[in-house]
Amino acid sequence: MPYDALTKAWIWLIALSAGSAVVAMLVAQGMDRRIAGAAILVLALLKSRTILTRYLGLSEAPSLRRGFNLVLTLYCVLLLGLYLIGGTSL
């Protein structure tokens, strides 16, 4: 059964969400919170890129997609830097 692009995107979003849940469970088992926070942030970046590309149709506008991806990636790097600088004393 062939899947259309939206169905594939939905499956990909479910998989990325499951990955976030697995990382959160690993924290409860002793995973370093800095690594877990970075992993969850990267998974969120991948989810946002999927939503922009498939659901909002930016796959049809490559220059806009590149611009959004650049801004999202820079924002992700900024958030990761602030997260790591702020410490994880929770």
C-alpha atoms as a PDB file:
ATOM      1  CA  MET A   1       0.000   0.000   0.000  1.00  0.00           C
ATOM      2  CA  PRO A   2       1.657   3.247  -1.084  1.00  0.00           C
ATOM      3  CA  TYR A   3       1.750   6.082   1.418  1.00  0.00           C
ATOM      4  CA  ASP A   4       1.374   9.713   0.481  1.00  0.00           C
ATOM      5  CA  ALA A   5       3.735  12.397   1.777  1.00  0.00           C
ATOM      6  CA  LEU A   6       1.442  13.465   4.634  1.00  0.00           C
ATOM      7  CA  THR A   7       1.076   9.917   5.917  1.00  0.00           C
ATOM      8  CA  LYS A   8       4.844   9.438   5.831  1.00  0.00           C
ATOM      9  CA  ALA A   9       5.284  12.738   7.664  1.00  0.00           C
ATOM     10  CA  TRP A  10       2.760  11.676  10.299  1.00  0.00           C
ATOM     11  CA  ILE A  11       4.568   8.359  10.824  1.00  0.00           C
ATOM     12  CA  TRP A  12       7.870  10.231  11.080  1.00  0.00           C
ATOM     13  CA  LEU A  13       6.381  12.623  13.677  1.00  0.00           C
ATOM     14  CA  ILE A  14       5.109   9.682  15.733  1.00  0.00           C
ATOM     15  CA  ALA A  15       8.568   8.071  15.596  1.00  0.00           C
ATOM     16  CA  LEU A  16      10.273  11.306  16.677  1.00  0.00           C
ATOM     17  CA  SER A  17       7.787  11.716  19.528  1.00  0.00           C
ATOM     18  CA  ALA A  18       8.474   8.150  20.608  1.00  0.00           C
ATOM     19  CA  GLY A  19      12.181   8.963  20.533  1.00  0.00           C
ATOM     20  CA  SER A  20      11.586  11.899  22.871  1.00  0.00           C
ATOM     21  CA  ALA A  21       9.651   9.631  25.230  1.00  0.00           C
ATOM     22  CA  VAL A  22      12.465   7.072  25.213  1.00  0.00           C
ATOM     23  CA  VAL A  23      15.033   9.756  26.024  1.00  0.00           C
ATOM     24  CA  ALA A  24      12.851  10.986  28.895  1.00  0.00           C
ATOM     25  CA  MET A  25      12.626   7.445  30.268  1.00  0.00           C
ATOM     26  CA  LEU A  26      16.394   7.074  30.019  1.00  0.00           C
ATOM     27  CA  VAL A  27      16.843  10.151  32.209  1.00  0.00           C
ATOM     28  CA  ALA A  28      14.934   8.335  34.950  1.00  0.00           C
ATOM     29  CA  GLN A  29      17.459   5.514  34.598  1.00  0.00           C
ATOM     30  CA  GLY A  30      20.482   7.771  35.014  1.00  0.00           C
ATOM     31  CA  MET A  31      21.169   9.291  31.601  1.00  0.00           C
ATOM     32  CA  ASP A  32      23.012  12.607  31.768  1.00  0.00           C
ATOM     33  CA  ARG A  33      20.428  15.401  31.657  1.00  0.00           C
ATOM     34  CA  ARG A  34      22.570  17.570  29.399  1.00  0.00           C
ATOM     35  CA  ILE A  35      22.725  14.858  26.762  1.00  0.00           C
ATOM     36  CA  ALA A  36      19.014  14.137  27.147  1.00  0.00           C
ATOM     37  CA  GLY A  37      18.117  17.813  26.845  1.00  0.00           C
ATOM     38  CA  ALA A  38      20.224  18.158  23.718  1.00  0.00           C
ATOM     39  CA  ALA A  39      18.687  15.021  22.195  1.00  0.00           C
ATOM     40  CA  ILE A  40      15.139  16.181  22.890  1.00  0.00           C
ATOM     41  CA  LEU A  41      15.919  19.595  21.423  1.00  0.00           C
ATOM     42  CA  VAL A  42      17.296  18.015  18.246  1.00  0.00           C
ATOM     43  CA  LEU A  43      14.222  15.768  17.988  1.00  0.00           C
ATOM     44  CA  ALA A  44      12.011  18.859  18.350  1.00  0.00           C
ATOM     45  CA  LEU A  45      13.990  20.545  15.558  1.00  0.00           C
ATOM     46  CA  LEU A  46      13.428  17.547  13.289  1.00  0.00           C
ATOM     47  CA  LYS A  47       9.714  17.569  14.101  1.00  0.00           C
ATOM     48  CA  SER A  48       9.383  21.280  13.335  1.00  0.00           C
ATOM     49  CA  ARG A  49      11.210  20.855  10.032  1.00  0.00           C
ATOM     50  CA  THR A  50       8.900  17.974   9.110  1.00  0.00           C
ATOM     51  CA  ILE A  51       5.813  20.031   9.893  1.00  0.00           C
ATOM     52  CA  LEU A  52       7.061  23.000   7.875  1.00  0.00           C
ATOM     53  CA  THR A  53       8.117  20.877   4.927  1.00  0.00           C
ATOM     54  CA  ARG A  54       5.173  18.518   4.605  1.00  0.00           C
ATOM     55  CA  TYR A  55       2.156  19.991   6.381  1.00  0.00           C
ATOM     56  CA  LEU A  56       2.726  23.618   5.469  1.00  0.00           C
ATOM     57  CA  GLY A  57       3.907  22.780   1.981  1.00  0.00           C
ATOM     58  CA  LEU A  58       7.352  24.345   2.039  1.00  0.00           C
ATOM     59  CA  SER A  59       8.611  21.399   0.009  1.00  0.00           C
ATOM     60  CA  GLU A  60       7.168  23.326  -2.933  1.00  0.00           C
ATOM     61  CA  ALA A  61       9.199  26.445  -2.065  1.00  0.00           C
ATOM     62  CA  PRO A  62      12.832  25.374  -1.512  1.00  0.00           C
ATOM     63  CA  SER A  63      14.197  28.868  -0.861  1.00  0.00           C
ATOM     64  CA  LEU A  64      11.608  29.538   1.844  1.00  0.00           C
ATOM     65  CA  ARG A  65      12.245  26.105   3.334  1.00  0.00           C
ATOM     66  CA  ARG A  66      15.989  26.814   3.508  1.00  0.00           C
ATOM     67  CA  GLY A  67      15.312  30.145   5.211  1.00  0.00           C
ATOM     68  CA  PHE A  68      12.988  28.596   7.792  1.00  0.00           C
ATOM     69  CA  ASN A  69      15.409  25.732   8.386  1.00  0.00           C
ATOM     70  CA  LEU A  70      18.271  28.168   8.909  1.00  0.00           C
ATOM     71  CA  VAL A  71      16.293  30.243  11.415  1.00  0.00           C
ATOM     72  CA  LEU A  72      15.054  27.150  13.255  1.00  0.00           C
ATOM     73  CA  THR A  73      18.528  25.650  13.418  1.00  0.00           C
ATOM     74  CA  LEU A  74      20.068  28.876  14.707  1.00  0.00           C
ATOM     75  CA  TYR A  75      17.295  29.140  17.300  1.00  0.00           C
ATOM     76  CA  CYS A  76      17.914  25.526  18.319  1.00  0.00           C
ATOM     77  CA  VAL A  77      21.646  26.199  18.717  1.00  0.00           C
ATOM     78  CA  LEU A  78      20.870  29.290  20.819  1.00  0.00           C
ATOM     79  CA  LEU A  79      18.485  27.330  23.045  1.00  0.00           C
ATOM     80  CA  LEU A  80      20.988  24.512  23.414  1.00  0.00           C
ATOM     81  CA  GLY A  81      23.705  26.971  24.386  1.00  0.00           C
ATOM     82  CA  LEU A  82      21.471  28.630  26.974  1.00  0.00           C
ATOM     83  CA  TYR A  83      20.434  25.228  28.303  1.00  0.00           C
ATOM     84  CA  LEU A  84      24.029  24.067  28.706  1.00  0.00           C
ATOM     85  CA  ILE A  85      25.204  27.375  30.189  1.00  0.00           C
ATOM     86  CA  GLY A  86      22.318  27.450  32.647  1.00  0.00           C
ATOM     87  CA  GLY A  87      23.291  24.125  34.186  1.00  0.00           C
ATOM     88  CA  THR A  88      21.115  21.189  35.063  1.00  0.00           C
ATOM     89  CA  SER A  89      20.703  21.377  38.798  1.00  0.00           C
ATOM     90  CA  LEU A  90      17.053  20.277  38.663  1.00  0.00           C
END
